[in-house]
Amino acid sequence: MYALKNRCKALFSGHLHKRVVKDSGGVKYISLEDFFAFSNYCRVYVSPAGVRYEFENLPPSP
């Protein structure tokens, strides 16, 4: 049922046009809003301790 269970810790994707953060089968699924509409992105840190992420917004254009 869980294709990624025990194979990865997180899956990042886009193209849903809305932010989704969901845990399923021990995997965190993360999708972002439309970049051009919301000017945000997800910064991902990977280390031996695990995966950490944070959402960031670009400053407004002058």
N, C-alpha and C. Protein backbone atom coordinates (compact mmCIF):
# COMPACT_ATOMS: atom_id res chain seq x y z
N MET A 1 0.81 -1.20 0.00
CA MET A 1 0.00 0.00 0.00
C MET A 1 0.86 1.26 0.00
N TYR A 2 1.94 1.26 0.72
CA TYR A 2 2.82 2.43 0.79
C TYR A 2 4.07 2.15 -0.03
N ALA A 3 4.10 2.65 -1.24
CA ALA A 3 5.21 2.35 -2.15
C ALA A 3 6.55 2.85 -1.64
N LEU A 4 6.56 3.94 -0.85
CA LEU A 4 7.82 4.52 -0.39
C LEU A 4 8.17 4.13 1.04
N LYS A 5 7.33 3.37 1.72
CA LYS A 5 7.57 3.01 3.11
C LYS A 5 8.92 2.29 3.23
N ASN A 6 9.73 2.76 4.18
CA ASN A 6 11.08 2.23 4.45
C ASN A 6 12.06 2.44 3.29
N ARG A 7 11.69 3.26 2.33
CA ARG A 7 12.58 3.54 1.19
C ARG A 7 13.04 4.99 1.17
N CYS A 8 12.29 5.89 1.80
CA CYS A 8 12.70 7.29 1.88
C CYS A 8 12.00 7.95 3.06
N LYS A 9 12.47 9.12 3.44
CA LYS A 9 11.90 9.86 4.57
C LYS A 9 10.94 10.94 4.12
N ALA A 10 11.18 11.51 2.92
CA ALA A 10 10.33 12.61 2.46
C ALA A 10 10.30 12.64 0.94
N LEU A 11 9.17 13.13 0.42
CA LEU A 11 9.01 13.32 -1.01
C LEU A 11 8.53 14.74 -1.22
N PHE A 12 9.28 15.52 -2.01
CA PHE A 12 8.94 16.90 -2.29
C PHE A 12 8.45 16.99 -3.72
N SER A 13 7.36 17.73 -3.92
CA SER A 13 6.82 17.89 -5.26
C SER A 13 6.18 19.26 -5.42
N GLY A 14 5.79 19.54 -6.61
CA GLY A 14 5.10 20.78 -6.91
C GLY A 14 3.93 20.49 -7.83
N HIS A 15 3.41 21.52 -8.38
CA HIS A 15 2.37 21.45 -9.39
C HIS A 15 0.97 21.15 -8.83
N LEU A 16 0.81 21.15 -7.52
CA LEU A 16 -0.54 21.01 -6.96
C LEU A 16 -1.21 22.36 -6.79
N HIS A 17 -0.42 23.43 -6.83
CA HIS A 17 -0.91 24.80 -6.69
C HIS A 17 -1.48 25.09 -5.30
N LYS A 18 -1.15 24.25 -4.34
CA LYS A 18 -1.48 24.53 -2.95
C LYS A 18 -0.47 23.80 -2.08
N ARG A 19 -0.26 24.30 -0.87
CA ARG A 19 0.69 23.67 0.04
C ARG A 19 0.03 22.47 0.72
N VAL A 20 0.74 21.35 0.68
CA VAL A 20 0.28 20.14 1.34
C VAL A 20 1.46 19.55 2.09
N VAL A 21 1.28 19.27 3.37
CA VAL A 21 2.28 18.58 4.17
C VAL A 21 1.53 17.44 4.86
N LYS A 22 1.89 16.21 4.50
CA LYS A 22 1.14 15.06 5.00
C LYS A 22 2.10 13.92 5.32
N ASP A 23 1.83 13.21 6.40
CA ASP A 23 2.58 12.00 6.74
C ASP A 23 1.75 10.79 6.38
N SER A 24 2.37 9.83 5.72
CA SER A 24 1.68 8.60 5.37
C SER A 24 2.69 7.47 5.28
N GLY A 25 2.48 6.42 6.03
CA GLY A 25 3.38 5.27 5.99
C GLY A 25 4.80 5.60 6.38
N GLY A 26 4.99 6.59 7.27
CA GLY A 26 6.32 6.97 7.71
C GLY A 26 7.07 7.87 6.75
N VAL A 27 6.39 8.34 5.69
CA VAL A 27 7.00 9.24 4.71
C VAL A 27 6.27 10.57 4.77
N LYS A 28 7.02 11.66 4.75
CA LYS A 28 6.43 13.00 4.71
C LYS A 28 6.32 13.44 3.26
N TYR A 29 5.11 13.81 2.84
CA TYR A 29 4.83 14.29 1.49
C TYR A 29 4.62 15.79 1.56
N ILE A 30 5.41 16.53 0.76
CA ILE A 30 5.38 17.99 0.82
C ILE A 30 5.23 18.53 -0.60
N SER A 31 4.24 19.39 -0.79
CA SER A 31 4.03 20.05 -2.07
C SER A 31 3.84 21.54 -1.81
N LEU A 32 4.28 22.35 -2.75
CA LEU A 32 4.21 23.80 -2.59
C LEU A 32 3.14 24.43 -3.45
N GLU A 33 2.79 25.67 -3.06
CA GLU A 33 1.90 26.49 -3.87
C GLU A 33 2.58 26.85 -5.19
N ASP A 34 1.86 27.51 -6.04
CA ASP A 34 2.39 28.01 -7.31
C ASP A 34 3.44 29.08 -7.03
N PHE A 35 4.67 28.85 -7.46
CA PHE A 35 5.78 29.77 -7.18
C PHE A 35 5.50 31.18 -7.71
N PHE A 36 5.01 31.28 -8.93
CA PHE A 36 4.81 32.60 -9.54
C PHE A 36 3.70 33.40 -8.85
N ALA A 37 2.71 32.74 -8.30
CA ALA A 37 1.62 33.43 -7.62
C ALA A 37 1.99 33.81 -6.19
N PHE A 38 2.78 32.96 -5.51
CA PHE A 38 3.05 33.16 -4.08
C PHE A 38 4.50 33.51 -3.76
N SER A 39 5.41 33.38 -4.70
CA SER A 39 6.84 33.71 -4.51
C SER A 39 7.45 33.02 -3.30
N ASN A 40 7.13 31.74 -3.12
CA ASN A 40 7.72 31.01 -2.01
C ASN A 40 8.42 29.75 -2.51
N TYR A 41 9.26 29.22 -1.63
CA TYR A 41 9.99 28.00 -1.97
C TYR A 41 10.25 27.23 -0.68
N CYS A 42 10.76 26.04 -0.82
CA CYS A 42 11.06 25.20 0.33
C CYS A 42 12.56 24.92 0.34
N ARG A 43 13.21 25.31 1.42
CA ARG A 43 14.64 25.04 1.59
C ARG A 43 14.77 23.72 2.34
N VAL A 44 15.55 22.80 1.78
CA VAL A 44 15.66 21.45 2.34
C VAL A 44 17.09 21.22 2.81
N TYR A 45 17.23 20.69 4.02
CA TYR A 45 18.52 20.35 4.59
C TYR A 45 18.55 18.83 4.81
N VAL A 46 19.57 18.19 4.29
CA VAL A 46 19.72 16.74 4.45
C VAL A 46 21.04 16.47 5.16
N SER A 47 20.99 15.68 6.22
CA SER A 47 22.20 15.34 6.97
C SER A 47 22.05 13.92 7.49
N PRO A 48 23.10 13.36 8.06
CA PRO A 48 22.98 12.02 8.64
C PRO A 48 21.89 11.94 9.72
N ALA A 49 21.55 13.09 10.32
CA ALA A 49 20.52 13.12 11.36
C ALA A 49 19.11 13.07 10.77
N GLY A 50 18.98 13.35 9.48
CA GLY A 50 17.65 13.32 8.86
C GLY A 50 17.43 14.45 7.88
N VAL A 51 16.17 14.67 7.57
CA VAL A 51 15.76 15.70 6.62
C VAL A 51 15.00 16.77 7.39
N ARG A 52 15.37 18.01 7.12
CA ARG A 52 14.69 19.16 7.73
C ARG A 52 14.35 20.12 6.60
N TYR A 53 13.23 20.82 6.71
CA TYR A 53 12.84 21.76 5.67
C TYR A 53 12.18 22.97 6.30
N GLU A 54 12.19 24.06 5.55
CA GLU A 54 11.51 25.28 5.98
C GLU A 54 11.00 26.02 4.75
N PHE A 55 9.86 26.64 4.90
CA PHE A 55 9.27 27.40 3.81
C PHE A 55 9.78 28.83 3.88
N GLU A 56 10.13 29.37 2.73
CA GLU A 56 10.66 30.74 2.63
C GLU A 56 9.85 31.52 1.60
N ASN A 57 9.82 32.85 1.78
CA ASN A 57 9.20 33.73 0.80
C ASN A 57 10.25 34.67 0.23
N LEU A 58 10.18 34.89 -1.05
CA LEU A 58 11.07 35.87 -1.66
C LEU A 58 10.60 37.27 -1.30
N PRO A 59 11.53 38.22 -1.14
CA PRO A 59 11.09 39.59 -0.86
C PRO A 59 10.34 40.15 -2.07
N PRO A 60 9.42 41.09 -1.84
CA PRO A 60 8.68 41.69 -2.95
C PRO A 60 9.62 42.40 -3.91
N SER A 61 9.27 42.39 -5.18
CA SER A 61 10.07 43.11 -6.19
C SER A 61 9.87 44.60 -6.02
N PRO A 62 10.96 45.36 -6.27
CA PRO A 62 10.83 46.84 -6.12
C PRO A 62 9.94 47.43 -7.18
